[in-house]
Amino acid sequence: MKLVMEIITISEEYIRLDNLMKYSGLCNSGGRAKYLIQNGEVKLNGEVCTMRGKKIRSGDMVEYQNKTVKVENAAG
């Protein structure tokens, strides 16, 4: 299985995990993001994360299925 990585640039200090999933296209709604996160289907930096409000910061990597999203801050 091939992994797909996408880099998402944010302008704030952090983005909530559920919002990142919607923004990056990992899922199509907030309700779906909540479901996936609470069911342990999402990994943050290689570990399962069940906190949908978790603050995702620059350098963090979120995985769902075969997709990985890396977060970078616009300020560098």
C-alpha atoms as a PDB file:
ATOM      1  CA  MET A   1       0.000   0.000   0.000  1.00  0.00           C
ATOM      2  CA  LYS A   2       1.400   3.341  -1.061  1.00  0.00           C
ATOM      3  CA  LEU A   3       1.231   6.246   1.388  1.00  0.00           C
ATOM      4  CA  VAL A   4       0.203   9.663   0.135  1.00  0.00           C
ATOM      5  CA  MET A   5       1.625  12.712   1.941  1.00  0.00           C
ATOM      6  CA  GLU A   6       0.263  16.219   1.728  1.00  0.00           C
ATOM      7  CA  ILE A   7       1.634  19.354   3.373  1.00  0.00           C
ATOM      8  CA  ILE A   8      -0.926  21.732   4.860  1.00  0.00           C
ATOM      9  CA  THR A   9       0.180  25.262   5.735  1.00  0.00           C
ATOM     10  CA  ILE A  10      -1.586  27.041   8.585  1.00  0.00           C
ATOM     11  CA  SER A  11      -1.342  30.716   9.507  1.00  0.00           C
ATOM     12  CA  GLU A  12      -2.203  30.267  13.180  1.00  0.00           C
ATOM     13  CA  GLU A  13      -0.200  28.626  15.977  1.00  0.00           C
ATOM     14  CA  TYR A  14      -2.345  25.480  15.780  1.00  0.00           C
ATOM     15  CA  ILE A  15      -5.395  23.860  14.205  1.00  0.00           C
ATOM     16  CA  ARG A  16      -7.748  21.423  15.941  1.00  0.00           C
ATOM     17  CA  LEU A  17      -7.520  17.834  14.753  1.00  0.00           C
ATOM     18  CA  ASP A  18     -11.130  17.651  13.568  1.00  0.00           C
ATOM     19  CA  ASN A  19     -10.784  20.929  11.657  1.00  0.00           C
ATOM     20  CA  LEU A  20      -7.555  19.737  10.048  1.00  0.00           C
ATOM     21  CA  MET A  21      -9.254  16.583   8.829  1.00  0.00           C
ATOM     22  CA  LYS A  22     -11.978  18.652   7.125  1.00  0.00           C
ATOM     23  CA  TYR A  23      -9.585  21.316   5.799  1.00  0.00           C
ATOM     24  CA  SER A  24      -7.153  18.785   4.339  1.00  0.00           C
ATOM     25  CA  GLY A  25      -9.866  16.657   2.757  1.00  0.00           C
ATOM     26  CA  LEU A  26      -9.186  13.560   4.882  1.00  0.00           C
ATOM     27  CA  CYS A  27     -12.956  13.544   5.458  1.00  0.00           C
ATOM     28  CA  ASN A  28     -15.868  15.583   4.167  1.00  0.00           C
ATOM     29  CA  SER A  29     -17.585  16.752   7.356  1.00  0.00           C
ATOM     30  CA  GLY A  30     -17.047  17.574  10.983  1.00  0.00           C
ATOM     31  CA  GLY A  31     -19.364  14.777  12.023  1.00  0.00           C
ATOM     32  CA  ARG A  32     -17.342  12.258  10.043  1.00  0.00           C
ATOM     33  CA  ALA A  33     -14.093  13.625  11.540  1.00  0.00           C
ATOM     34  CA  LYS A  34     -15.519  13.251  15.050  1.00  0.00           C
ATOM     35  CA  TYR A  35     -16.572   9.659  14.333  1.00  0.00           C
ATOM     36  CA  LEU A  36     -13.209   8.644  12.862  1.00  0.00           C
ATOM     37  CA  ILE A  37     -11.204  10.261  15.664  1.00  0.00           C
ATOM     38  CA  GLN A  38     -13.320   8.860  18.502  1.00  0.00           C
ATOM     39  CA  ASN A  39     -13.166   5.364  16.957  1.00  0.00           C
ATOM     40  CA  GLY A  40      -9.363   5.418  17.003  1.00  0.00           C
ATOM     41  CA  GLU A  41      -8.944   5.464  13.223  1.00  0.00           C
ATOM     42  CA  VAL A  42      -6.680   8.534  13.169  1.00  0.00           C
ATOM     43  CA  LYS A  43      -3.026   8.688  14.173  1.00  0.00           C
ATOM     44  CA  LEU A  44      -1.082  11.730  15.317  1.00  0.00           C
ATOM     45  CA  ASN A  45       2.685  11.398  14.973  1.00  0.00           C
ATOM     46  CA  GLY A  46       2.346   7.616  14.694  1.00  0.00           C
ATOM     47  CA  GLU A  47       0.061   7.098  17.705  1.00  0.00           C
ATOM     48  CA  VAL A  48      -3.728   6.754  17.821  1.00  0.00           C
ATOM     49  CA  CYS A  49      -5.369   9.995  18.953  1.00  0.00           C
ATOM     50  CA  THR A  50      -8.996  10.036  20.125  1.00  0.00           C
ATOM     51  CA  MET A  51      -9.140  13.727  21.107  1.00  0.00           C
ATOM     52  CA  ARG A  52     -10.890  15.621  18.313  1.00  0.00           C
ATOM     53  CA  GLY A  53      -9.947  19.002  19.835  1.00  0.00           C
ATOM     54  CA  LYS A  54      -6.245  18.115  20.024  1.00  0.00           C
ATOM     55  CA  LYS A  55      -4.109  21.081  18.971  1.00  0.00           C
ATOM     56  CA  ILE A  56      -2.082  20.188  15.889  1.00  0.00           C
ATOM     57  CA  ARG A  57       1.030  22.327  15.490  1.00  0.00           C
ATOM     58  CA  SER A  58       3.760  22.804  12.906  1.00  0.00           C
ATOM     59  CA  GLY A  59       5.715  19.578  12.392  1.00  0.00           C
ATOM     60  CA  ASP A  60       2.856  17.274  13.447  1.00  0.00           C
ATOM     61  CA  MET A  61       1.769  14.491  11.129  1.00  0.00           C
ATOM     62  CA  VAL A  62      -1.786  13.141  10.972  1.00  0.00           C
ATOM     63  CA  GLU A  63      -2.526   9.772   9.350  1.00  0.00           C
ATOM     64  CA  TYR A  64      -5.830   8.301   8.204  1.00  0.00           C
ATOM     65  CA  GLN A  65      -5.988   5.190   6.039  1.00  0.00           C
ATOM     66  CA  ASN A  66      -3.210   5.556   3.474  1.00  0.00           C
ATOM     67  CA  LYS A  67      -2.983   9.357   3.655  1.00  0.00           C
ATOM     68  CA  THR A  68      -0.632  11.458   5.747  1.00  0.00           C
ATOM     69  CA  VAL A  69      -0.927  15.193   6.304  1.00  0.00           C
ATOM     70  CA  LYS A  70       2.042  17.161   7.607  1.00  0.00           C
ATOM     71  CA  VAL A  71       1.317  20.560   9.137  1.00  0.00           C
ATOM     72  CA  GLU A  72       3.605  23.539   8.594  1.00  0.00           C
ATOM     73  CA  ASN A  73       3.254  27.079   9.846  1.00  0.00           C
ATOM     74  CA  ALA A  74       3.249  29.872   7.272  1.00  0.00           C
ATOM     75  CA  ALA A  75       5.673  31.844   9.455  1.00  0.00           C
ATOM     76  CA  GLY A  76       8.191  29.034   9.141  1.00  0.00           C
END
